[in-house]
Amino acid sequence: MTEGQKMTKSRFPRLLNVSERERLEAFIDQIHYSPRYADDEYEYRHVMLPKAMLKVIPTDYFNPETGTLRILHEEEWRGLGITQSLGWEMYEVHVPEPHILLFKREKDFQLKFSQQR
């Protein structure tokens, strides 16, 4: 188990206030999304935040032990300006490059979701 996998989500999402959100808006257009890749069970992608963006994210979004972002609830990472389709879950931070967030979702999520409609 890597150090990133040991991190857990906080119990409840902590949403950004208006001034925190305004400070982050300048960075939203600079967020980069990798192409998707997969194994037998999940599809994955990584999201690269601009390094300078880490300096304006509230400190309680960080794990005090590692200094990297903690695993964020969907409402939290969407509040940072990360936009993805439904089903994605943040599961790790790439510790050597803490601006890279790792996401996964069930490989057949879109098929299951479309059948539920």
PDB file of N, CA and C in Angstrom:
ATOM      1  N   MET A   1       0.857  -1.193   0.000  1.00  0.00           N
ATOM      2  CA  MET A   1       0.000   0.000   0.000  1.00  0.00           C
ATOM      3  C   MET A   1       0.889   1.237   0.000  1.00  0.00           C
ATOM      4  N   THR A   2       0.636   2.147  -0.908  1.00  0.00           N
ATOM      5  CA  THR A   2       1.450   3.356  -0.976  1.00  0.00           C
ATOM      6  C   THR A   2       0.977   4.368   0.046  1.00  0.00           C
ATOM      7  N   GLU A   3       1.798   5.356   0.259  1.00  0.00           N
ATOM      8  CA  GLU A   3       1.433   6.405   1.211  1.00  0.00           C
ATOM      9  C   GLU A   3       0.138   7.096   0.806  1.00  0.00           C
ATOM     10  N   GLY A   4      -0.048   7.307  -0.491  1.00  0.00           N
ATOM     11  CA  GLY A   4      -1.265   7.953  -0.969  1.00  0.00           C
ATOM     12  C   GLY A   4      -2.507   7.123  -0.681  1.00  0.00           C
ATOM     13  N   GLN A   5      -2.396   5.808  -0.752  1.00  0.00           N
ATOM     14  CA  GLN A   5      -3.547   4.955  -0.517  1.00  0.00           C
ATOM     15  C   GLN A   5      -3.948   4.944   0.954  1.00  0.00           C
ATOM     16  N   LYS A   6      -3.050   5.270   1.860  1.00  0.00           N
ATOM     17  CA  LYS A   6      -3.365   5.296   3.284  1.00  0.00           C
ATOM     18  C   LYS A   6      -4.227   6.492   3.651  1.00  0.00           C
ATOM     19  N   MET A   7      -4.232   7.502   2.819  1.00  0.00           N
ATOM     20  CA  MET A   7      -5.006   8.702   3.119  1.00  0.00           C
ATOM     21  C   MET A   7      -6.490   8.388   3.011  1.00  0.00           C
ATOM     22  N   THR A   8      -7.255   9.020   3.852  1.00  0.00           N
ATOM     23  CA  THR A   8      -8.695   8.809   3.814  1.00  0.00           C
ATOM     24  C   THR A   8      -9.408  10.143   3.687  1.00  0.00           C
ATOM     25  N   LYS A   9     -10.667  10.054   3.344  1.00  0.00           N
ATOM     26  CA  LYS A   9     -11.507  11.254   3.258  1.00  0.00           C
ATOM     27  C   LYS A   9     -11.845  11.718   4.664  1.00  0.00           C
ATOM     28  N   SER A  10     -12.133  12.992   4.785  1.00  0.00           N
ATOM     29  CA  SER A  10     -12.709  13.473   6.032  1.00  0.00           C
ATOM     30  C   SER A  10     -14.121  12.890   6.133  1.00  0.00           C
ATOM     31  N   ARG A  11     -14.688  12.946   7.286  1.00  0.00           N
ATOM     32  CA  ARG A  11     -16.000  12.340   7.482  1.00  0.00           C
ATOM     33  C   ARG A  11     -17.092  13.034   6.667  1.00  0.00           C
ATOM     34  N   PHE A  12     -17.046  14.351   6.618  1.00  0.00           N
ATOM     35  CA  PHE A  12     -18.044  15.130   5.883  1.00  0.00           C
ATOM     36  C   PHE A  12     -17.339  16.078   4.929  1.00  0.00           C
ATOM     37  N   PRO A  13     -17.951  16.366   3.771  1.00  0.00           N
ATOM     38  CA  PRO A  13     -17.334  17.337   2.856  1.00  0.00           C
ATOM     39  C   PRO A  13     -17.290  18.722   3.485  1.00  0.00           C
ATOM     40  N   ARG A  14     -16.220  19.440   3.218  1.00  0.00           N
ATOM     41  CA  ARG A  14     -16.086  20.826   3.677  1.00  0.00           C
ATOM     42  C   ARG A  14     -16.128  21.691   2.420  1.00  0.00           C
ATOM     43  N   LEU A  15     -17.246  22.352   2.208  1.00  0.00           N
ATOM     44  CA  LEU A  15     -17.428  23.145   0.995  1.00  0.00           C
ATOM     45  C   LEU A  15     -16.703  24.476   1.118  1.00  0.00           C
ATOM     46  N   LEU A  16     -16.302  25.004  -0.014  1.00  0.00           N
ATOM     47  CA  LEU A  16     -15.607  26.289  -0.053  1.00  0.00           C
ATOM     48  C   LEU A  16     -16.577  27.436   0.183  1.00  0.00           C
ATOM     49  N   ASN A  17     -16.074  28.490   0.808  1.00  0.00           N
ATOM     50  CA  ASN A  17     -16.899  29.696   0.918  1.00  0.00           C
ATOM     51  C   ASN A  17     -16.665  30.553  -0.328  1.00  0.00           C
ATOM     52  N   VAL A  18     -17.371  31.627  -0.461  1.00  0.00           N
ATOM     53  CA  VAL A  18     -17.337  32.450  -1.670  1.00  0.00           C
ATOM     54  C   VAL A  18     -15.932  32.995  -1.934  1.00  0.00           C
ATOM     55  N   SER A  19     -15.259  33.505  -0.930  1.00  0.00           N
ATOM     56  CA  SER A  19     -13.930  34.092  -1.168  1.00  0.00           C
ATOM     57  C   SER A  19     -12.906  33.018  -1.534  1.00  0.00           C
ATOM     58  N   GLU A  20     -13.012  31.832  -0.957  1.00  0.00           N
ATOM     59  CA  GLU A  20     -12.102  30.737  -1.326  1.00  0.00           C
ATOM     60  C   GLU A  20     -12.326  30.335  -2.771  1.00  0.00           C
ATOM     61  N   ARG A  21     -13.562  30.241  -3.155  1.00  0.00           N
ATOM     62  CA  ARG A  21     -13.908  29.866  -4.531  1.00  0.00           C
ATOM     63  C   ARG A  21     -13.396  30.912  -5.520  1.00  0.00           C
ATOM     64  N   GLU A  22     -13.537  32.181  -5.177  1.00  0.00           N
ATOM     65  CA  GLU A  22     -13.066  33.264  -6.058  1.00  0.00           C
ATOM     66  C   GLU A  22     -11.557  33.185  -6.269  1.00  0.00           C
ATOM     67  N   ARG A  23     -10.798  32.848  -5.229  1.00  0.00           N
ATOM     68  CA  ARG A  23      -9.333  32.732  -5.354  1.00  0.00           C
ATOM     69  C   ARG A  23      -8.936  31.598  -6.288  1.00  0.00           C
ATOM     70  N   LEU A  24      -9.756  30.573  -6.370  1.00  0.00           N
ATOM     71  CA  LEU A  24      -9.445  29.411  -7.206  1.00  0.00           C
ATOM     72  C   LEU A  24      -9.845  29.592  -8.665  1.00  0.00           C
ATOM     73  N   GLU A  25     -10.782  30.484  -8.929  1.00  0.00           N
ATOM     74  CA  GLU A  25     -11.319  30.631 -10.288  1.00  0.00           C
ATOM     75  C   GLU A  25     -10.257  30.947 -11.331  1.00  0.00           C
ATOM     76  N   ALA A  26      -9.229  31.659 -10.957  1.00  0.00           N
ATOM     77  CA  ALA A  26      -8.176  32.025 -11.916  1.00  0.00           C
ATOM     78  C   ALA A  26      -7.425  30.799 -12.447  1.00  0.00           C
ATOM     79  N   PHE A  27      -7.499  29.689 -11.746  1.00  0.00           N
ATOM     80  CA  PHE A  27      -6.733  28.501 -12.118  1.00  0.00           C
ATOM     81  C   PHE A  27      -7.543  27.456 -12.879  1.00  0.00           C
ATOM     82  N   ILE A  28      -8.850  27.576 -12.880  1.00  0.00           N
ATOM     83  CA  ILE A  28      -9.711  26.514 -13.406  1.00  0.00           C
ATOM     84  C   ILE A  28      -9.409  26.179 -14.861  1.00  0.00           C
ATOM     85  N   ASP A  29      -9.144  27.165 -15.689  1.00  0.00           N
ATOM     86  CA  ASP A  29      -8.864  26.902 -17.106  1.00  0.00           C
ATOM     87  C   ASP A  29      -7.509  26.231 -17.322  1.00  0.00           C
ATOM     88  N   GLN A  30      -6.678  26.170 -16.279  1.00  0.00           N
ATOM     89  CA  GLN A  30      -5.351  25.567 -16.396  1.00  0.00           C
ATOM     90  C   GLN A  30      -5.307  24.127 -15.884  1.00  0.00           C
ATOM     91  N   ILE A  31      -6.434  23.602 -15.405  1.00  0.00           N
ATOM     92  CA  ILE A  31      -6.487  22.215 -14.945  1.00  0.00           C
ATOM     93  C   ILE A  31      -6.395  21.304 -16.164  1.00  0.00           C
ATOM     94  N   HIS A  32      -5.545  20.285 -16.082  1.00  0.00           N
ATOM     95  CA  HIS A  32      -5.331  19.364 -17.204  1.00  0.00           C
ATOM     96  C   HIS A  32      -5.858  17.976 -16.840  1.00  0.00           C
ATOM     97  N   TYR A  33      -6.566  17.362 -17.775  1.00  0.00           N
ATOM     98  CA  TYR A  33      -7.141  16.033 -17.590  1.00  0.00           C
ATOM     99  C   TYR A  33      -6.442  15.047 -18.508  1.00  0.00           C
ATOM    100  N   SER A  34      -5.955  13.956 -17.940  1.00  0.00           N
ATOM    101  CA  SER A  34      -5.292  12.941 -18.765  1.00  0.00           C
ATOM    102  C   SER A  34      -6.324  12.164 -19.567  1.00  0.00           C
ATOM    103  N   PRO A  35      -5.866  11.486 -20.610  1.00  0.00           N
ATOM    104  CA  PRO A  35      -6.753  10.520 -21.257  1.00  0.00           C
ATOM    105  C   PRO A  35      -7.084   9.416 -20.251  1.00  0.00           C
ATOM    106  N   ARG A  36      -8.164   8.708 -20.492  1.00  0.00           N
ATOM    107  CA  ARG A  36      -8.552   7.602 -19.622  1.00  0.00           C
ATOM    108  C   ARG A  36      -7.701   6.378 -19.947  1.00  0.00           C
ATOM    109  N   TYR A  37      -7.443   5.573 -18.940  1.00  0.00           N
ATOM    110  CA  TYR A  37      -6.766   4.295 -19.115  1.00  0.00           C
ATOM    111  C   TYR A  37      -7.462   3.309 -18.191  1.00  0.00           C
ATOM    112  N   ALA A  38      -7.295   2.002 -18.411  1.00  0.00           N
ATOM    113  CA  ALA A  38      -8.114   1.042 -17.679  1.00  0.00           C
ATOM    114  C   ALA A  38      -7.367  -0.248 -17.381  1.00  0.00           C
ATOM    115  N   ASP A  39      -7.893  -0.972 -16.392  1.00  0.00           N
ATOM    116  CA  ASP A  39      -7.521  -2.360 -16.149  1.00  0.00           C
ATOM    117  C   ASP A  39      -8.822  -3.163 -16.281  1.00  0.00           C
ATOM    118  N   ASP A  40      -8.858  -4.363 -15.753  1.00  0.00           N
ATOM    119  CA  ASP A  40     -10.058  -5.196 -15.899  1.00  0.00           C
ATOM    120  C   ASP A  40     -11.255  -4.665 -15.115  1.00  0.00           C
ATOM    121  N   GLU A  41     -11.008  -3.908 -14.043  1.00  0.00           N
ATOM    122  CA  GLU A  41     -12.079  -3.503 -13.146  1.00  0.00           C
ATOM    123  C   GLU A  41     -12.438  -2.012 -13.225  1.00  0.00           C
ATOM    124  N   TYR A  42     -11.436  -1.161 -13.394  1.00  0.00           N
ATOM    125  CA  TYR A  42     -11.652   0.285 -13.331  1.00  0.00           C
ATOM    126  C   TYR A  42     -11.103   0.992 -14.556  1.00  0.00           C
ATOM    127  N   GLU A  43     -11.650   2.175 -14.793  1.00  0.00           N
ATOM    128  CA  GLU A  43     -10.995   3.119 -15.692  1.00  0.00           C
ATOM    129  C   GLU A  43     -10.421   4.210 -14.802  1.00  0.00           C
ATOM    130  N   TYR A  44      -9.334   4.790 -15.253  1.00  0.00           N
ATOM    131  CA  TYR A  44      -8.589   5.755 -14.452  1.00  0.00           C
ATOM    132  C   TYR A  44      -8.307   6.994 -15.273  1.00  0.00           C
ATOM    133  N   ARG A  45      -8.019   8.056 -14.565  1.00  0.00           N
ATOM    134  CA  ARG A  45      -7.447   9.253 -15.179  1.00  0.00           C
ATOM    135  C   ARG A  45      -6.792  10.038 -14.073  1.00  0.00           C
ATOM    136  N   HIS A  46      -5.856  10.860 -14.460  1.00  0.00           N
ATOM    137  CA  HIS A  46      -5.275  11.751 -13.462  1.00  0.00           C
ATOM    138  C   HIS A  46      -5.560  13.186 -13.872  1.00  0.00           C
ATOM    139  N   VAL A  47      -5.673  14.017 -12.856  1.00  0.00           N
ATOM    140  CA  VAL A  47      -5.978  15.426 -13.042  1.00  0.00           C
ATOM    141  C   VAL A  47      -4.811  16.213 -12.485  1.00  0.00           C
ATOM    142  N   MET A  48      -4.246  17.063 -13.326  1.00  0.00           N
ATOM    143  CA  MET A  48      -3.095  17.871 -12.906  1.00  0.00           C
ATOM    144  C   MET A  48      -3.554  19.301 -12.637  1.00  0.00           C
ATOM    145  N   LEU A  49      -3.425  19.691 -11.389  1.00  0.00           N
ATOM    146  CA  LEU A  49      -3.745  21.063 -11.003  1.00  0.00           C
ATOM    147  C   LEU A  49      -2.527  21.933 -11.275  1.00  0.00           C
ATOM    148  N   PRO A  50      -2.715  23.210 -11.599  1.00  0.00           N
ATOM    149  CA  PRO A  50      -1.560  24.102 -11.690  1.00  0.00           C
ATOM    150  C   PRO A  50      -0.880  24.142 -10.315  1.00  0.00           C
ATOM    151  N   LYS A  51       0.436  24.061 -10.295  1.00  0.00           N
ATOM    152  CA  LYS A  51       1.152  24.023  -9.008  1.00  0.00           C
ATOM    153  C   LYS A  51       0.806  25.216  -8.129  1.00  0.00           C
ATOM    154  N   ALA A  52       0.662  26.379  -8.724  1.00  0.00           N
ATOM    155  CA  ALA A  52       0.349  27.585  -7.948  1.00  0.00           C
ATOM    156  C   ALA A  52      -1.032  27.491  -7.298  1.00  0.00           C
ATOM    157  N   MET A  53      -1.902  26.686  -7.854  1.00  0.00           N
ATOM    158  CA  MET A  53      -3.245  26.530  -7.299  1.00  0.00           C
ATOM    159  C   MET A  53      -3.199  25.924  -5.892  1.00  0.00           C
ATOM    160  N   LEU A  54      -2.220  25.056  -5.641  1.00  0.00           N
ATOM    161  CA  LEU A  54      -2.111  24.423  -4.322  1.00  0.00           C
ATOM    162  C   LEU A  54      -1.957  25.460  -3.211  1.00  0.00           C
ATOM    163  N   LYS A  55      -1.378  26.600  -3.543  1.00  0.00           N
ATOM    164  CA  LYS A  55      -1.139  27.641  -2.534  1.00  0.00           C
ATOM    165  C   LYS A  55      -2.412  28.368  -2.117  1.00  0.00           C
ATOM    166  N   VAL A  56      -3.477  28.278  -2.909  1.00  0.00           N
ATOM    167  CA  VAL A  56      -4.718  28.976  -2.564  1.00  0.00           C
ATOM    168  C   VAL A  56      -5.845  28.030  -2.134  1.00  0.00           C
ATOM    169  N   ILE A  57      -5.571  26.737  -2.155  1.00  0.00           N
ATOM    170  CA  ILE A  57      -6.546  25.770  -1.646  1.00  0.00           C
ATOM    171  C   ILE A  57      -6.508  25.837  -0.123  1.00  0.00           C
ATOM    172  N   PRO A  58      -7.651  25.844   0.545  1.00  0.00           N
ATOM    173  CA  PRO A  58      -7.675  25.936   2.009  1.00  0.00           C
ATOM    174  C   PRO A  58      -6.825  24.848   2.675  1.00  0.00           C
ATOM    175  N   THR A  59      -6.156  25.214   3.749  1.00  0.00           N
ATOM    176  CA  THR A  59      -5.248  24.280   4.423  1.00  0.00           C
ATOM    177  C   THR A  59      -5.946  23.039   4.960  1.00  0.00           C
ATOM    178  N   ASP A  60      -7.230  23.132   5.296  1.00  0.00           N
ATOM    179  CA  ASP A  60      -7.906  21.943   5.817  1.00  0.00           C
ATOM    180  C   ASP A  60      -8.246  20.926   4.723  1.00  0.00           C
ATOM    181  N   TYR A  61      -7.928  21.218   3.480  1.00  0.00           N
ATOM    182  CA  TYR A  61      -8.040  20.248   2.393  1.00  0.00           C
ATOM    183  C   TYR A  61      -6.780  19.377   2.309  1.00  0.00           C
ATOM    184  N   PHE A  62      -5.785  19.673   3.128  1.00  0.00           N
ATOM    185  CA  PHE A  62      -4.516  18.964   3.098  1.00  0.00           C
ATOM    186  C   PHE A  62      -4.393  18.009   4.279  1.00  0.00           C
ATOM    187  N   ASN A  63      -3.665  16.944   4.057  1.00  0.00           N
ATOM    188  CA  ASN A  63      -3.349  15.985   5.103  1.00  0.00           C
ATOM    189  C   ASN A  63      -2.159  16.546   5.881  1.00  0.00           C
ATOM    190  N   PRO A  64      -2.312  16.828   7.183  1.00  0.00           N
ATOM    191  CA  PRO A  64      -1.212  17.435   7.940  1.00  0.00           C
ATOM    192  C   PRO A  64       0.016  16.528   8.053  1.00  0.00           C
ATOM    193  N   GLU A  65      -0.159  15.223   7.926  1.00  0.00           N
ATOM    194  CA  GLU A  65       0.968  14.301   8.026  1.00  0.00           C
ATOM    195  C   GLU A  65       1.824  14.280   6.766  1.00  0.00           C
ATOM    196  N   THR A  66       1.196  14.373   5.600  1.00  0.00           N
ATOM    197  CA  THR A  66       1.942  14.268   4.339  1.00  0.00           C
ATOM    198  C   THR A  66       2.165  15.621   3.676  1.00  0.00           C
ATOM    199  N   GLY A  67       1.328  16.610   4.016  1.00  0.00           N
ATOM    200  CA  GLY A  67       1.415  17.907   3.349  1.00  0.00           C
ATOM    201  C   GLY A  67       0.777  17.925   1.976  1.00  0.00           C
ATOM    202  N   THR A  68       0.207  16.799   1.549  1.00  0.00           N
ATOM    203  CA  THR A  68      -0.474  16.733   0.257  1.00  0.00           C
ATOM    204  C   THR A  68      -1.974  16.858   0.486  1.00  0.00           C
ATOM    205  N   LEU A  69      -2.708  17.073  -0.594  1.00  0.00           N
ATOM    206  CA  LEU A  69      -4.162  17.090  -0.474  1.00  0.00           C
ATOM    207  C   LEU A  69      -4.634  15.757   0.091  1.00  0.00           C
ATOM    208  N   ARG A  70      -5.634  15.819   0.946  1.00  0.00           N
ATOM    209  CA  ARG A  70      -6.248  14.588   1.423  1.00  0.00           C
ATOM    210  C   ARG A  70      -7.185  14.075   0.331  1.00  0.00           C
ATOM    211  N   ILE A  71      -7.716  12.878   0.502  1.00  0.00           N
ATOM    212  CA  ILE A  71      -8.703  12.357  -0.441  1.00  0.00           C
ATOM    213  C   ILE A  71      -9.962  13.208  -0.283  1.00  0.00           C
ATOM    214  N   LEU A  72     -10.390  13.811  -1.363  1.00  0.00           N
ATOM    215  CA  LEU A  72     -11.505  14.755  -1.314  1.00  0.00           C
ATOM    216  C   LEU A  72     -12.826  14.085  -1.691  1.00  0.00           C
ATOM    217  N   HIS A  73     -13.884  14.525  -1.045  1.00  0.00           N
ATOM    218  CA  HIS A  73     -15.230  14.135  -1.438  1.00  0.00           C
ATOM    219  C   HIS A  73     -15.519  14.750  -2.805  1.00  0.00           C
ATOM    220  N   GLU A  74     -16.460  14.176  -3.520  1.00  0.00           N
ATOM    221  CA  GLU A  74     -16.818  14.693  -4.842  1.00  0.00           C
ATOM    222  C   GLU A  74     -17.201  16.170  -4.783  1.00  0.00           C
ATOM    223  N   GLU A  75     -17.965  16.565  -3.773  1.00  0.00           N
ATOM    224  CA  GLU A  75     -18.372  17.975  -3.657  1.00  0.00           C
ATOM    225  C   GLU A  75     -17.162  18.886  -3.479  1.00  0.00           C
ATOM    226  N   GLU A  76     -16.118  18.384  -2.833  1.00  0.00           N
ATOM    227  CA  GLU A  76     -14.913  19.187  -2.606  1.00  0.00           C
ATOM    228  C   GLU A  76     -14.093  19.328  -3.884  1.00  0.00           C
ATOM    229  N   TRP A  77     -13.816  18.218  -4.580  1.00  0.00           N
ATOM    230  CA  TRP A  77     -12.995  18.361  -5.781  1.00  0.00           C
ATOM    231  C   TRP A  77     -13.749  19.092  -6.885  1.00  0.00           C
ATOM    232  N   ARG A  78     -15.059  18.914  -6.955  1.00  0.00           N
ATOM    233  CA  ARG A  78     -15.825  19.710  -7.926  1.00  0.00           C
ATOM    234  C   ARG A  78     -15.778  21.190  -7.550  1.00  0.00           C
ATOM    235  N   GLY A  79     -15.794  21.496  -6.252  1.00  0.00           N
ATOM    236  CA  GLY A  79     -15.690  22.873  -5.784  1.00  0.00           C
ATOM    237  C   GLY A  79     -14.378  23.533  -6.158  1.00  0.00           C
ATOM    238  N   LEU A  80     -13.321  22.729  -6.336  1.00  0.00           N
ATOM    239  CA  LEU A  80     -12.031  23.262  -6.768  1.00  0.00           C
ATOM    240  C   LEU A  80     -12.040  23.615  -8.252  1.00  0.00           C
ATOM    241  N   GLY A  81     -13.066  23.171  -8.965  1.00  0.00           N
ATOM    242  CA  GLY A  81     -13.151  23.454 -10.391  1.00  0.00           C
ATOM    243  C   GLY A  81     -12.873  22.256 -11.269  1.00  0.00           C
ATOM    244  N   ILE A  82     -12.681  21.085 -10.669  1.00  0.00           N
ATOM    245  CA  ILE A  82     -12.462  19.861 -11.443  1.00  0.00           C
ATOM    246  C   ILE A  82     -13.819  19.413 -11.977  1.00  0.00           C
ATOM    247  N   THR A  83     -13.886  19.209 -13.288  1.00  0.00           N
ATOM    248  CA  THR A  83     -15.143  18.791 -13.922  1.00  0.00           C
ATOM    249  C   THR A  83     -14.927  17.457 -14.617  1.00  0.00           C
ATOM    250  N   GLN A  84     -15.741  16.499 -14.233  1.00  0.00           N
ATOM    251  CA  GLN A  84     -15.708  15.179 -14.839  1.00  0.00           C
ATOM    252  C   GLN A  84     -17.142  14.648 -14.860  1.00  0.00           C
ATOM    253  N   SER A  85     -17.373  13.657 -15.702  1.00  0.00           N
ATOM    254  CA  SER A  85     -18.686  13.034 -15.726  1.00  0.00           C
ATOM    255  C   SER A  85     -18.917  12.264 -14.424  1.00  0.00           C
ATOM    256  N   LEU A  86     -20.104  11.754 -14.248  1.00  0.00           N
ATOM    257  CA  LEU A  86     -20.471  11.071 -13.007  1.00  0.00           C
ATOM    258  C   LEU A  86     -19.688   9.779 -12.807  1.00  0.00           C
ATOM    259  N   GLY A  87     -19.528   9.409 -11.541  1.00  0.00           N
ATOM    260  CA  GLY A  87     -18.929   8.128 -11.189  1.00  0.00           C
ATOM    261  C   GLY A  87     -17.475   8.167 -10.792  1.00  0.00           C
ATOM    262  N   TRP A  88     -16.784   9.256 -11.039  1.00  0.00           N
ATOM    263  CA  TRP A  88     -15.365   9.346 -10.711  1.00  0.00           C
ATOM    264  C   TRP A  88     -15.178   9.549  -9.216  1.00  0.00           C
ATOM    265  N   GLU A  89     -14.145   8.913  -8.688  1.00  0.00           N
ATOM    266  CA  GLU A  89     -13.814   8.979  -7.270  1.00  0.00           C
ATOM    267  C   GLU A  89     -12.315   9.242  -7.131  1.00  0.00           C
ATOM    268  N   MET A  90     -11.961  10.234  -6.342  1.00  0.00           N
ATOM    269  CA  MET A  90     -10.553  10.484  -6.060  1.00  0.00           C
ATOM    270  C   MET A  90     -10.077   9.394  -5.109  1.00  0.00           C
ATOM    271  N   TYR A  91      -8.950   8.751  -5.463  1.00  0.00           N
ATOM    272  CA  TYR A  91      -8.470   7.674  -4.600  1.00  0.00           C
ATOM    273  C   TYR A  91      -7.037   7.853  -4.137  1.00  0.00           C
ATOM    274  N   GLU A  92      -6.309   8.799  -4.726  1.00  0.00           N
ATOM    275  CA  GLU A  92      -4.923   8.972  -4.322  1.00  0.00           C
ATOM    276  C   GLU A  92      -4.386  10.298  -4.841  1.00  0.00           C
ATOM    277  N   VAL A  93      -3.330  10.769  -4.170  1.00  0.00           N
ATOM    278  CA  VAL A  93      -2.544  11.905  -4.649  1.00  0.00           C
ATOM    279  C   VAL A  93      -1.185  11.340  -5.008  1.00  0.00           C
ATOM    280  N   HIS A  94      -0.652  11.732  -6.138  1.00  0.00           N
ATOM    281  CA  HIS A  94       0.681  11.267  -6.545  1.00  0.00           C
ATOM    282  C   HIS A  94       1.695  12.022  -5.688  1.00  0.00           C
ATOM    283  N   VAL A  95       2.128  11.413  -4.597  1.00  0.00           N
ATOM    284  CA  VAL A  95       2.924  12.095  -3.578  1.00  0.00           C
ATOM    285  C   VAL A  95       4.178  12.788  -4.145  1.00  0.00           C
ATOM    286  N   PRO A  96       4.930  12.157  -5.068  1.00  0.00           N
ATOM    287  CA  PRO A  96       6.102  12.887  -5.594  1.00  0.00           C
ATOM    288  C   PRO A  96       5.737  14.178  -6.339  1.00  0.00           C
ATOM    289  N   GLU A  97       4.525  14.233  -6.881  1.00  0.00           N
ATOM    290  CA  GLU A  97       4.032  15.418  -7.576  1.00  0.00           C
ATOM    291  C   GLU A  97       2.637  15.721  -7.019  1.00  0.00           C
ATOM    292  N   PRO A  98       2.558  16.425  -5.882  1.00  0.00           N
ATOM    293  CA  PRO A  98       1.288  16.565  -5.158  1.00  0.00           C
ATOM    294  C   PRO A  98       0.200  17.351  -5.885  1.00  0.00           C
ATOM    295  N   HIS A  99       0.509  17.913  -7.032  1.00  0.00           N
ATOM    296  CA  HIS A  99      -0.522  18.597  -7.817  1.00  0.00           C
ATOM    297  C   HIS A  99      -1.263  17.628  -8.744  1.00  0.00           C
ATOM    298  N   ILE A 100      -0.883  16.343  -8.720  1.00  0.00           N
ATOM    299  CA  ILE A 100      -1.518  15.336  -9.566  1.00  0.00           C
ATOM    300  C   ILE A 100      -2.438  14.476  -8.704  1.00  0.00           C
ATOM    301  N   LEU A 101      -3.727  14.514  -9.033  1.00  0.00           N
ATOM    302  CA  LEU A 101      -4.747  13.777  -8.300  1.00  0.00           C
ATOM    303  C   LEU A 101      -5.189  12.595  -9.142  1.00  0.00           C
ATOM    304  N   LEU A 102      -5.343  11.436  -8.521  1.00  0.00           N
ATOM    305  CA  LEU A 102      -5.700  10.222  -9.237  1.00  0.00           C
ATOM    306  C   LEU A 102      -7.161   9.869  -8.983  1.00  0.00           C
ATOM    307  N   PHE A 103      -7.857   9.546 -10.063  1.00  0.00           N
ATOM    308  CA  PHE A 103      -9.277   9.239 -10.016  1.00  0.00           C
ATOM    309  C   PHE A 103      -9.537   7.885 -10.662  1.00  0.00           C
ATOM    310  N   LYS A 104     -10.624   7.236 -10.210  1.00  0.00           N
ATOM    311  CA  LYS A 104     -11.042   5.974 -10.823  1.00  0.00           C
ATOM    312  C   LYS A 104     -12.562   5.889 -10.780  1.00  0.00           C
ATOM    313  N   ARG A 105     -13.095   5.006 -11.622  1.00  0.00           N
ATOM    314  CA  ARG A 105     -14.512   4.645 -11.556  1.00  0.00           C
ATOM    315  C   ARG A 105     -14.655   3.253 -12.156  1.00  0.00           C
ATOM    316  N   GLU A 106     -15.757   2.609 -11.803  1.00  0.00           N
ATOM    317  CA  GLU A 106     -15.998   1.268 -12.344  1.00  0.00           C
ATOM    318  C   GLU A 106     -15.939   1.314 -13.862  1.00  0.00           C
ATOM    319  N   LYS A 107     -15.344   0.313 -14.436  1.00  0.00           N
ATOM    320  CA  LYS A 107     -15.147   0.294 -15.883  1.00  0.00           C
ATOM    321  C   LYS A 107     -16.463   0.388 -16.655  1.00  0.00           C
ATOM    322  N   ASP A 108     -17.495  -0.233 -16.147  1.00  0.00           N
ATOM    323  CA  ASP A 108     -18.783  -0.217 -16.861  1.00  0.00           C
ATOM    324  C   ASP A 108     -19.764   0.778 -16.246  1.00  0.00           C
ATOM    325  N   PHE A 109     -19.281   1.795 -15.568  1.00  0.00           N
ATOM    326  CA  PHE A 109     -20.161   2.750 -14.898  1.00  0.00           C
ATOM    327  C   PHE A 109     -21.127   3.415 -15.874  1.00  0.00           C
ATOM    328  N   GLN A 110     -20.642   3.891 -17.005  1.00  0.00           N
ATOM    329  CA  GLN A 110     -21.516   4.597 -17.945  1.00  0.00           C
ATOM    330  C   GLN A 110     -22.606   3.687 -18.477  1.00  0.00           C
ATOM    331  N   LEU A 111     -22.294   2.434 -18.728  1.00  0.00           N
ATOM    332  CA  LEU A 111     -23.296   1.486 -19.200  1.00  0.00           C
ATOM    333  C   LEU A 111     -24.352   1.253 -18.124  1.00  0.00           C
ATOM    334  N   LYS A 112     -23.924   1.040 -16.880  1.00  0.00           N
ATOM    335  CA  LYS A 112     -24.864   0.841 -15.768  1.00  0.00           C
ATOM    336  C   LYS A 112     -25.727   2.089 -15.566  1.00  0.00           C
ATOM    337  N   PHE A 113     -25.091   3.256 -15.621  1.00  0.00           N
ATOM    338  CA  PHE A 113     -25.800   4.509 -15.392  1.00  0.00           C
ATOM    339  C   PHE A 113     -26.860   4.732 -16.466  1.00  0.00           C
ATOM    340  N   SER A 114     -26.529   4.460 -17.720  1.00  0.00           N
ATOM    341  CA  SER A 114     -27.494   4.698 -18.799  1.00  0.00           C
ATOM    342  C   SER A 114     -28.668   3.729 -18.707  1.00  0.00           C
ATOM    343  N   GLN A 115     -28.452   2.532 -18.165  1.00  0.00           N
ATOM    344  CA  GLN A 115     -29.529   1.553 -18.012  1.00  0.00           C
ATOM    345  C   GLN A 115     -30.459   1.907 -16.858  1.00  0.00           C
ATOM    346  N   GLN A 116     -29.990   2.698 -15.900  1.00  0.00           N
ATOM    347  CA  GLN A 116     -30.804   3.081 -14.744  1.00  0.00           C
ATOM    348  C   GLN A 116     -31.777   4.204 -15.074  1.00  0.00           C
ATOM    349  N   ARG A 117     -31.583   4.872 -16.163  1.00  0.00           N
ATOM    350  CA  ARG A 117     -32.443   6.010 -16.517  1.00  0.00           C
ATOM    351  C   ARG A 117     -33.806   5.594 -16.932  1.00  0.00           C
TER     352      ARG A 117
END
